[in-house]
Amino acid sequence: MSGKAPIFEETVSNYLAQVAQIDLAGISENLAITIEQGEALIPFLGKTYRVSSSGVFDDSGLEPIHAIRMECLAIIGWLLADSLAQAAGLGTRSVM
């Protein structure tokens, strides 16, 4: 199967647009993550991913392969869920 599934790419684009609206520094303490140069550094399954509105990238700066991109959706969803929880005043620590 070559190419990327359009619905998957649409979902990623939608999530990344939402990430652009998040104050990453504001949620970093609650999530126990580091922010560097506007990117959230998120350890996940033995690797560190860099997440920003530009995308999700591995340690080498490459976009993960399609099979791993499902994990990227989980990472982005985790950021968004915590941001929404803080906005709602729940302020609970979210652990991945």
PDB file of N, CA and C in Angstrom:
ATOM      1  N   MET A   1       0.848  -1.170   0.000  1.00  0.00           N
ATOM      2  CA  MET A   1       0.000   0.000   0.000  1.00  0.00           C
ATOM      3  C   MET A   1       0.887   1.225   0.000  1.00  0.00           C
ATOM      4  N   SER A   2       0.809   2.017  -1.036  1.00  0.00           N
ATOM      5  CA  SER A   2       1.622   3.212  -1.093  1.00  0.00           C
ATOM      6  C   SER A   2       0.760   4.437  -0.824  1.00  0.00           C
ATOM      7  N   GLY A   3       1.404   5.511  -0.395  1.00  0.00           N
ATOM      8  CA  GLY A   3       0.672   6.733  -0.098  1.00  0.00           C
ATOM      9  C   GLY A   3       0.060   6.685   1.289  1.00  0.00           C
ATOM     10  N   LYS A   4      -0.499   7.815   1.667  1.00  0.00           N
ATOM     11  CA  LYS A   4      -1.097   7.930   2.985  1.00  0.00           C
ATOM     12  C   LYS A   4      -2.610   8.009   2.849  1.00  0.00           C
ATOM     13  N   ALA A   5      -3.301   7.440   3.796  1.00  0.00           N
ATOM     14  CA  ALA A   5      -4.764   7.458   3.781  1.00  0.00           C
ATOM     15  C   ALA A   5      -5.252   8.889   3.999  1.00  0.00           C
ATOM     16  N   PRO A   6      -6.110   9.394   3.110  1.00  0.00           N
ATOM     17  CA  PRO A   6      -6.585  10.775   3.233  1.00  0.00           C
ATOM     18  C   PRO A   6      -7.263  11.080   4.571  1.00  0.00           C
ATOM     19  N   ILE A   7      -8.062  10.161   5.089  1.00  0.00           N
ATOM     20  CA  ILE A   7      -8.743  10.419   6.365  1.00  0.00           C
ATOM     21  C   ILE A   7      -7.742  10.520   7.503  1.00  0.00           C
ATOM     22  N   PHE A   8      -6.694   9.715   7.429  1.00  0.00           N
ATOM     23  CA  PHE A   8      -5.656   9.765   8.453  1.00  0.00           C
ATOM     24  C   PHE A   8      -4.952  11.116   8.403  1.00  0.00           C
ATOM     25  N   GLU A   9      -4.586  11.550   7.210  1.00  0.00           N
ATOM     26  CA  GLU A   9      -3.896  12.827   7.055  1.00  0.00           C
ATOM     27  C   GLU A   9      -4.782  13.992   7.486  1.00  0.00           C
ATOM     28  N   GLU A  10      -6.075  13.888   7.216  1.00  0.00           N
ATOM     29  CA  GLU A  10      -7.011  14.932   7.640  1.00  0.00           C
ATOM     30  C   GLU A  10      -7.073  15.002   9.165  1.00  0.00           C
ATOM     31  N   THR A  11      -7.095  13.849   9.805  1.00  0.00           N
ATOM     32  CA  THR A  11      -7.132  13.804  11.265  1.00  0.00           C
ATOM     33  C   THR A  11      -5.861  14.408  11.854  1.00  0.00           C
ATOM     34  N   VAL A  12      -4.715  14.042  11.300  1.00  0.00           N
ATOM     35  CA  VAL A  12      -3.445  14.591  11.778  1.00  0.00           C
ATOM     36  C   VAL A  12      -3.440  16.108  11.605  1.00  0.00           C
ATOM     37  N   SER A  13      -3.867  16.594  10.454  1.00  0.00           N
ATOM     38  CA  SER A  13      -3.897  18.041  10.197  1.00  0.00           C
ATOM     39  C   SER A  13      -4.808  18.759  11.192  1.00  0.00           C
ATOM     40  N   ASN A  14      -5.952  18.152  11.482  1.00  0.00           N
ATOM     41  CA  ASN A  14      -6.887  18.727  12.447  1.00  0.00           C
ATOM     42  C   ASN A  14      -6.253  18.784  13.839  1.00  0.00           C
ATOM     43  N   TYR A  15      -5.638  17.697  14.260  1.00  0.00           N
ATOM     44  CA  TYR A  15      -4.983  17.664  15.572  1.00  0.00           C
ATOM     45  C   TYR A  15      -3.866  18.697  15.656  1.00  0.00           C
ATOM     46  N   LEU A  16      -3.061  18.811  14.605  1.00  0.00           N
ATOM     47  CA  LEU A  16      -1.946  19.756  14.630  1.00  0.00           C
ATOM     48  C   LEU A  16      -2.439  21.203  14.675  1.00  0.00           C
ATOM     49  N   ALA A  17      -3.561  21.478  14.027  1.00  0.00           N
ATOM     50  CA  ALA A  17      -4.151  22.814  14.110  1.00  0.00           C
ATOM     51  C   ALA A  17      -4.570  23.113  15.547  1.00  0.00           C
ATOM     52  N   GLN A  18      -5.051  22.097  16.250  1.00  0.00           N
ATOM     53  CA  GLN A  18      -5.429  22.264  17.660  1.00  0.00           C
ATOM     54  C   GLN A  18      -4.194  22.443  18.532  1.00  0.00           C
ATOM     55  N   VAL A  19      -3.119  21.724  18.213  1.00  0.00           N
ATOM     56  CA  VAL A  19      -1.865  21.868  18.965  1.00  0.00           C
ATOM     57  C   VAL A  19      -1.362  23.303  18.860  1.00  0.00           C
ATOM     58  N   ALA A  20      -1.554  23.930  17.709  1.00  0.00           N
ATOM     59  CA  ALA A  20      -1.115  25.314  17.516  1.00  0.00           C
ATOM     60  C   ALA A  20      -1.798  26.261  18.505  1.00  0.00           C
ATOM     61  N   GLN A  21      -2.964  25.877  19.011  1.00  0.00           N
ATOM     62  CA  GLN A  21      -3.721  26.725  19.940  1.00  0.00           C
ATOM     63  C   GLN A  21      -3.368  26.475  21.412  1.00  0.00           C
ATOM     64  N   ILE A  22      -2.564  25.459  21.664  1.00  0.00           N
ATOM     65  CA  ILE A  22      -2.221  25.090  23.043  1.00  0.00           C
ATOM     66  C   ILE A  22      -1.020  25.891  23.529  1.00  0.00           C
ATOM     67  N   ASP A  23      -1.078  26.284  24.776  1.00  0.00           N
ATOM     68  CA  ASP A  23       0.086  26.871  25.441  1.00  0.00           C
ATOM     69  C   ASP A  23       0.907  25.700  25.982  1.00  0.00           C
ATOM     70  N   LEU A  24       1.852  25.210  25.163  1.00  0.00           N
ATOM     71  CA  LEU A  24       2.637  24.031  25.550  1.00  0.00           C
ATOM     72  C   LEU A  24       3.373  24.256  26.867  1.00  0.00           C
ATOM     73  N   ALA A  25       3.933  25.445  27.042  1.00  0.00           N
ATOM     74  CA  ALA A  25       4.644  25.729  28.295  1.00  0.00           C
ATOM     75  C   ALA A  25       3.687  25.659  29.484  1.00  0.00           C
ATOM     76  N   GLY A  26       2.448  26.069  29.260  1.00  0.00           N
ATOM     77  CA  GLY A  26       1.455  26.063  30.324  1.00  0.00           C
ATOM     78  C   GLY A  26       1.034  24.677  30.774  1.00  0.00           C
ATOM     79  N   ILE A  27       1.135  23.697  29.898  1.00  0.00           N
ATOM     80  CA  ILE A  27       0.740  22.337  30.282  1.00  0.00           C
ATOM     81  C   ILE A  27       1.942  21.440  30.557  1.00  0.00           C
ATOM     82  N   SER A  28       3.142  21.951  30.337  1.00  0.00           N
ATOM     83  CA  SER A  28       4.337  21.105  30.470  1.00  0.00           C
ATOM     84  C   SER A  28       4.545  20.580  31.887  1.00  0.00           C
ATOM     85  N   GLU A  29       4.291  21.407  32.893  1.00  0.00           N
ATOM     86  CA  GLU A  29       4.499  20.950  34.268  1.00  0.00           C
ATOM     87  C   GLU A  29       3.506  19.851  34.632  1.00  0.00           C
ATOM     88  N   ASN A  30       2.256  20.043  34.269  1.00  0.00           N
ATOM     89  CA  ASN A  30       1.233  19.050  34.575  1.00  0.00           C
ATOM     90  C   ASN A  30       1.544  17.706  33.919  1.00  0.00           C
ATOM     91  N   LEU A  31       2.112  17.754  32.700  1.00  0.00           N
ATOM     92  CA  LEU A  31       2.417  16.525  31.966  1.00  0.00           C
ATOM     93  C   LEU A  31       3.829  16.013  32.215  1.00  0.00           C
ATOM     94  N   ALA A  32       4.609  16.779  32.955  1.00  0.00           N
ATOM     95  CA  ALA A  32       6.014  16.416  33.224  1.00  0.00           C
ATOM     96  C   ALA A  32       6.786  16.214  31.924  1.00  0.00           C
ATOM     97  N   ILE A  33       6.614  17.177  30.995  1.00  0.00           N
ATOM     98  CA  ILE A  33       7.336  17.133  29.730  1.00  0.00           C
ATOM     99  C   ILE A  33       8.201  18.385  29.614  1.00  0.00           C
ATOM    100  N   THR A  34       9.143  18.338  28.693  1.00  0.00           N
ATOM    101  CA  THR A  34      10.036  19.464  28.440  1.00  0.00           C
ATOM    102  C   THR A  34       9.600  20.167  27.163  1.00  0.00           C
ATOM    103  N   ILE A  35       9.760  21.488  27.158  1.00  0.00           N
ATOM    104  CA  ILE A  35       9.486  22.280  25.967  1.00  0.00           C
ATOM    105  C   ILE A  35      10.811  22.895  25.527  1.00  0.00           C
ATOM    106  N   GLU A  36      11.165  22.685  24.264  1.00  0.00           N
ATOM    107  CA  GLU A  36      12.371  23.276  23.691  1.00  0.00           C
ATOM    108  C   GLU A  36      12.017  23.896  22.351  1.00  0.00           C
ATOM    109  N   GLN A  37      12.334  25.154  22.192  1.00  0.00           N
ATOM    110  CA  GLN A  37      12.119  25.863  20.935  1.00  0.00           C
ATOM    111  C   GLN A  37      10.695  25.684  20.404  1.00  0.00           C
ATOM    112  N   GLY A  38       9.724  25.772  21.312  1.00  0.00           N
ATOM    113  CA  GLY A  38       8.331  25.676  20.920  1.00  0.00           C
ATOM    114  C   GLY A  38       7.839  24.271  20.619  1.00  0.00           C
ATOM    115  N   GLU A  39       8.647  23.272  20.923  1.00  0.00           N
ATOM    116  CA  GLU A  39       8.256  21.882  20.697  1.00  0.00           C
ATOM    117  C   GLU A  39       8.175  21.139  22.025  1.00  0.00           C
ATOM    118  N   ALA A  40       7.165  20.300  22.160  1.00  0.00           N
ATOM    119  CA  ALA A  40       7.043  19.444  23.334  1.00  0.00           C
ATOM    120  C   ALA A  40       7.863  18.185  23.090  1.00  0.00           C
ATOM    121  N   LEU A  41       8.751  17.858  24.012  1.00  0.00           N
ATOM    122  CA  LEU A  41       9.538  16.628  23.926  1.00  0.00           C
ATOM    123  C   LEU A  41       8.826  15.583  24.779  1.00  0.00           C
ATOM    124  N   ILE A  42       8.322  14.548  24.105  1.00  0.00           N
ATOM    125  CA  ILE A  42       7.485  13.569  24.782  1.00  0.00           C
ATOM    126  C   ILE A  42       8.086  12.175  24.657  1.00  0.00           C
ATOM    127  N   PRO A  43       8.485  11.591  25.790  1.00  0.00           N
ATOM    128  CA  PRO A  43       8.963  10.209  25.748  1.00  0.00           C
ATOM    129  C   PRO A  43       7.778   9.267  25.581  1.00  0.00           C
ATOM    130  N   PHE A  44       7.901   8.348  24.628  1.00  0.00           N
ATOM    131  CA  PHE A  44       6.800   7.426  24.350  1.00  0.00           C
ATOM    132  C   PHE A  44       7.369   6.157  23.747  1.00  0.00           C
ATOM    133  N   LEU A  45       7.121   5.032  24.387  1.00  0.00           N
ATOM    134  CA  LEU A  45       7.567   3.717  23.918  1.00  0.00           C
ATOM    135  C   LEU A  45       9.063   3.679  23.612  1.00  0.00           C
ATOM    136  N   GLY A  46       9.850   4.219  24.533  1.00  0.00           N
ATOM    137  CA  GLY A  46      11.302   4.138  24.421  1.00  0.00           C
ATOM    138  C   GLY A  46      11.944   5.155  23.496  1.00  0.00           C
ATOM    139  N   LYS A  47      11.164   6.050  22.925  1.00  0.00           N
ATOM    140  CA  LYS A  47      11.697   7.091  22.053  1.00  0.00           C
ATOM    141  C   LYS A  47      11.176   8.442  22.520  1.00  0.00           C
ATOM    142  N   THR A  48      11.868   9.490  22.116  1.00  0.00           N
ATOM    143  CA  THR A  48      11.386  10.832  22.402  1.00  0.00           C
ATOM    144  C   THR A  48      10.907  11.450  21.101  1.00  0.00           C
ATOM    145  N   TYR A  49       9.692  11.960  21.141  1.00  0.00           N
ATOM    146  CA  TYR A  49       9.109  12.611  19.973  1.00  0.00           C
ATOM    147  C   TYR A  49       9.014  14.108  20.226  1.00  0.00           C
ATOM    148  N   ARG A  50       9.232  14.898  19.163  1.00  0.00           N
ATOM    149  CA  ARG A  50       9.093  16.344  19.205  1.00  0.00           C
ATOM    150  C   ARG A  50       7.751  16.676  18.568  1.00  0.00           C
ATOM    151  N   VAL A  51       6.900  17.362  19.333  1.00  0.00           N
ATOM    152  CA  VAL A  51       5.558  17.664  18.865  1.00  0.00           C
ATOM    153  C   VAL A  51       5.351  19.176  18.851  1.00  0.00           C
ATOM    154  N   SER A  52       4.867  19.671  17.734  1.00  0.00           N
ATOM    155  CA  SER A  52       4.487  21.075  17.602  1.00  0.00           C
ATOM    156  C   SER A  52       3.405  21.150  16.537  1.00  0.00           C
ATOM    157  N   SER A  53       2.976  22.346  16.232  1.00  0.00           N
ATOM    158  CA  SER A  53       1.962  22.493  15.181  1.00  0.00           C
ATOM    159  C   SER A  53       2.516  22.099  13.813  1.00  0.00           C
ATOM    160  N   SER A  54       3.841  21.960  13.720  1.00  0.00           N
ATOM    161  CA  SER A  54       4.464  21.536  12.458  1.00  0.00           C
ATOM    162  C   SER A  54       4.398  20.033  12.248  1.00  0.00           C
ATOM    163  N   GLY A  55       4.179  19.281  13.322  1.00  0.00           N
ATOM    164  CA  GLY A  55       4.097  17.835  13.189  1.00  0.00           C
ATOM    165  C   GLY A  55       4.707  17.099  14.357  1.00  0.00           C
ATOM    166  N   VAL A  56       4.860  15.803  14.166  1.00  0.00           N
ATOM    167  CA  VAL A  56       5.477  14.922  15.156  1.00  0.00           C
ATOM    168  C   VAL A  56       6.707  14.325  14.492  1.00  0.00           C
ATOM    169  N   PHE A  57       7.840  14.461  15.166  1.00  0.00           N
ATOM    170  CA  PHE A  57       9.104  14.018  14.594  1.00  0.00           C
ATOM    171  C   PHE A  57       9.879  13.196  15.609  1.00  0.00           C
ATOM    172  N   ASP A  58      10.658  12.245  15.109  1.00  0.00           N
ATOM    173  CA  ASP A  58      11.474  11.424  16.000  1.00  0.00           C
ATOM    174  C   ASP A  58      12.783  12.141  16.310  1.00  0.00           C
ATOM    175  N   ASP A  59      13.677  11.470  17.039  1.00  0.00           N
ATOM    176  CA  ASP A  59      14.950  12.069  17.455  1.00  0.00           C
ATOM    177  C   ASP A  59      15.798  12.551  16.288  1.00  0.00           C
ATOM    178  N   SER A  60      15.664  11.917  15.140  1.00  0.00           N
ATOM    179  CA  SER A  60      16.477  12.295  13.988  1.00  0.00           C
ATOM    180  C   SER A  60      15.818  13.399  13.156  1.00  0.00           C
ATOM    181  N   GLY A  61      14.653  13.870  13.592  1.00  0.00           N
ATOM    182  CA  GLY A  61      13.967  14.933  12.879  1.00  0.00           C
ATOM    183  C   GLY A  61      13.077  14.457  11.754  1.00  0.00           C
ATOM    184  N   LEU A  62      12.892  13.147  11.669  1.00  0.00           N
ATOM    185  CA  LEU A  62      12.068  12.577  10.603  1.00  0.00           C
ATOM    186  C   LEU A  62      10.657  12.305  11.097  1.00  0.00           C
ATOM    187  N   GLU A  63       9.696  12.405  10.184  1.00  0.00           N
ATOM    188  CA  GLU A  63       8.327  12.049  10.495  1.00  0.00           C
ATOM    189  C   GLU A  63       8.252  10.524  10.591  1.00  0.00           C
ATOM    190  N   PRO A  64       7.643   9.991  11.637  1.00  0.00           N
ATOM    191  CA  PRO A  64       7.573   8.536  11.786  1.00  0.00           C
ATOM    192  C   PRO A  64       6.864   7.866  10.608  1.00  0.00           C
ATOM    193  N   ILE A  65       7.223   6.622  10.361  1.00  0.00           N
ATOM    194  CA  ILE A  65       6.585   5.862   9.290  1.00  0.00           C
ATOM    195  C   ILE A  65       5.116   5.642   9.619  1.00  0.00           C
ATOM    196  N   HIS A  66       4.333   5.262   8.634  1.00  0.00           N
ATOM    197  CA  HIS A  66       2.881   5.180   8.788  1.00  0.00           C
ATOM    198  C   HIS A  66       2.453   4.347   9.996  1.00  0.00           C
ATOM    199  N   ALA A  67       3.057   3.201  10.201  1.00  0.00           N
ATOM    200  CA  ALA A  67       2.650   2.331  11.313  1.00  0.00           C
ATOM    201  C   ALA A  67       2.836   3.047  12.655  1.00  0.00           C
ATOM    202  N   ILE A  68       3.880   3.826  12.765  1.00  0.00           N
ATOM    203  CA  ILE A  68       4.159   4.546  14.006  1.00  0.00           C
ATOM    204  C   ILE A  68       3.281   5.790  14.121  1.00  0.00           C
ATOM    205  N   ARG A  69       2.793   6.289  13.015  1.00  0.00           N
ATOM    206  CA  ARG A  69       1.980   7.511  13.042  1.00  0.00           C
ATOM    207  C   ARG A  69       0.704   7.326  13.856  1.00  0.00           C
ATOM    208  N   MET A  70       0.224   6.110  14.000  1.00  0.00           N
ATOM    209  CA  MET A  70      -0.932   5.888  14.873  1.00  0.00           C
ATOM    210  C   MET A  70      -0.551   6.237  16.313  1.00  0.00           C
ATOM    211  N   GLU A  71       0.681   5.924  16.685  1.00  0.00           N
ATOM    212  CA  GLU A  71       1.163   6.301  18.006  1.00  0.00           C
ATOM    213  C   GLU A  71       1.226   7.816  18.121  1.00  0.00           C
ATOM    214  N   CYS A  72       1.568   8.477  17.025  1.00  0.00           N
ATOM    215  CA  CYS A  72       1.633   9.935  17.032  1.00  0.00           C
ATOM    216  C   CYS A  72       0.265  10.537  17.319  1.00  0.00           C
ATOM    217  N   LEU A  73      -0.777   9.939  16.782  1.00  0.00           N
ATOM    218  CA  LEU A  73      -2.127  10.420  17.090  1.00  0.00           C
ATOM    219  C   LEU A  73      -2.412  10.296  18.579  1.00  0.00           C
ATOM    220  N   ALA A  74      -1.945   9.224  19.185  1.00  0.00           N
ATOM    221  CA  ALA A  74      -2.126   9.052  20.630  1.00  0.00           C
ATOM    222  C   ALA A  74      -1.386  10.144  21.399  1.00  0.00           C
ATOM    223  N   ILE A  75      -0.177  10.467  20.961  1.00  0.00           N
ATOM    224  CA  ILE A  75       0.613  11.505  21.624  1.00  0.00           C
ATOM    225  C   ILE A  75      -0.091  12.858  21.513  1.00  0.00           C
ATOM    226  N   ILE A  76      -0.528  13.206  20.318  1.00  0.00           N
ATOM    227  CA  ILE A  76      -1.193  14.491  20.115  1.00  0.00           C
ATOM    228  C   ILE A  76      -2.500  14.536  20.905  1.00  0.00           C
ATOM    229  N   GLY A  77      -3.255  13.449  20.876  1.00  0.00           N
ATOM    230  CA  GLY A  77      -4.497  13.381  21.629  1.00  0.00           C
ATOM    231  C   GLY A  77      -4.270  13.572  23.119  1.00  0.00           C
ATOM    232  N   TRP A  78      -3.178  13.038  23.614  1.00  0.00           N
ATOM    233  CA  TRP A  78      -2.820  13.170  25.025  1.00  0.00           C
ATOM    234  C   TRP A  78      -2.567  14.637  25.363  1.00  0.00           C
ATOM    235  N   LEU A  79      -1.826  15.344  24.504  1.00  0.00           N
ATOM    236  CA  LEU A  79      -1.586  16.775  24.720  1.00  0.00           C
ATOM    237  C   LEU A  79      -2.900  17.548  24.720  1.00  0.00           C
ATOM    238  N   LEU A  80      -3.742  17.264  23.750  1.00  0.00           N
ATOM    239  CA  LEU A  80      -5.008  17.982  23.637  1.00  0.00           C
ATOM    240  C   LEU A  80      -5.921  17.706  24.830  1.00  0.00           C
ATOM    241  N   ALA A  81      -5.972  16.468  25.285  1.00  0.00           N
ATOM    242  CA  ALA A  81      -6.835  16.112  26.412  1.00  0.00           C
ATOM    243  C   ALA A  81      -6.407  16.849  27.674  1.00  0.00           C
ATOM    244  N   ASP A  82      -5.108  16.935  27.908  1.00  0.00           N
ATOM    245  CA  ASP A  82      -4.650  17.635  29.102  1.00  0.00           C
ATOM    246  C   ASP A  82      -4.939  19.121  28.999  1.00  0.00           C
ATOM    247  N   SER A  83      -4.754  19.679  27.822  1.00  0.00           N
ATOM    248  CA  SER A  83      -5.045  21.099  27.625  1.00  0.00           C
ATOM    249  C   SER A  83      -6.506  21.398  27.923  1.00  0.00           C
ATOM    250  N   LEU A  84      -7.402  20.535  27.452  1.00  0.00           N
ATOM    251  CA  LEU A  84      -8.834  20.709  27.714  1.00  0.00           C
ATOM    252  C   LEU A  84      -9.158  20.546  29.196  1.00  0.00           C
ATOM    253  N   ALA A  85      -8.505  19.598  29.848  1.00  0.00           N
ATOM    254  CA  ALA A  85      -8.742  19.375  31.281  1.00  0.00           C
ATOM    255  C   ALA A  85      -8.322  20.604  32.078  1.00  0.00           C
ATOM    256  N   GLN A  86      -7.180  21.191  31.719  1.00  0.00           N
ATOM    257  CA  GLN A  86      -6.733  22.392  32.429  1.00  0.00           C
ATOM    258  C   GLN A  86      -7.669  23.563  32.168  1.00  0.00           C
ATOM    259  N   ALA A  87      -8.126  23.704  30.935  1.00  0.00           N
ATOM    260  CA  ALA A  87      -9.056  24.784  30.596  1.00  0.00           C
ATOM    261  C   ALA A  87     -10.355  24.652  31.375  1.00  0.00           C
ATOM    262  N   ALA A  88     -10.760  23.414  31.660  1.00  0.00           N
ATOM    263  CA  ALA A  88     -11.980  23.163  32.416  1.00  0.00           C
ATOM    264  C   ALA A  88     -11.761  23.269  33.918  1.00  0.00           C
ATOM    265  N   GLY A  89     -10.511  23.543  34.317  1.00  0.00           N
ATOM    266  CA  GLY A  89     -10.209  23.683  35.733  1.00  0.00           C
ATOM    267  C   GLY A  89     -10.021  22.382  36.469  1.00  0.00           C
ATOM    268  N   LEU A  90      -9.839  21.280  35.735  1.00  0.00           N
ATOM    269  CA  LEU A  90      -9.672  19.995  36.385  1.00  0.00           C
ATOM    270  C   LEU A  90      -8.265  19.835  36.930  1.00  0.00           C
ATOM    271  N   GLY A  91      -7.272  20.305  36.189  1.00  0.00           N
ATOM    272  CA  GLY A  91      -5.897  20.364  36.651  1.00  0.00           C
ATOM    273  C   GLY A  91      -5.293  19.068  37.154  1.00  0.00           C
ATOM    274  N   THR A  92      -5.827  17.927  36.786  1.00  0.00           N
ATOM    275  CA  THR A  92      -5.261  16.666  37.233  1.00  0.00           C
ATOM    276  C   THR A  92      -4.040  16.306  36.421  1.00  0.00           C
ATOM    277  N   ARG A  93      -3.106  15.615  37.031  1.00  0.00           N
ATOM    278  CA  ARG A  93      -1.898  15.197  36.320  1.00  0.00           C
ATOM    279  C   ARG A  93      -2.259  14.040  35.396  1.00  0.00           C
ATOM    280  N   SER A  94      -1.884  14.214  34.141  1.00  0.00           N
ATOM    281  CA  SER A  94      -2.143  13.197  33.135  1.00  0.00           C
ATOM    282  C   SER A  94      -0.846  12.436  32.866  1.00  0.00           C
ATOM    283  N   VAL A  95      -0.888  11.129  32.996  1.00  0.00           N
ATOM    284  CA  VAL A  95       0.323  10.322  32.807  1.00  0.00           C
ATOM    285  C   VAL A  95       0.117   9.411  31.613  1.00  0.00           C
ATOM    286  N   MET A  96       1.120   9.397  30.749  1.00  0.00           N
ATOM    287  CA  MET A  96       1.055   8.532  29.562  1.00  0.00           C
ATOM    288  C   MET A  96       1.815   7.285  29.845  1.00  0.00           C
TER     289      MET A  96
END
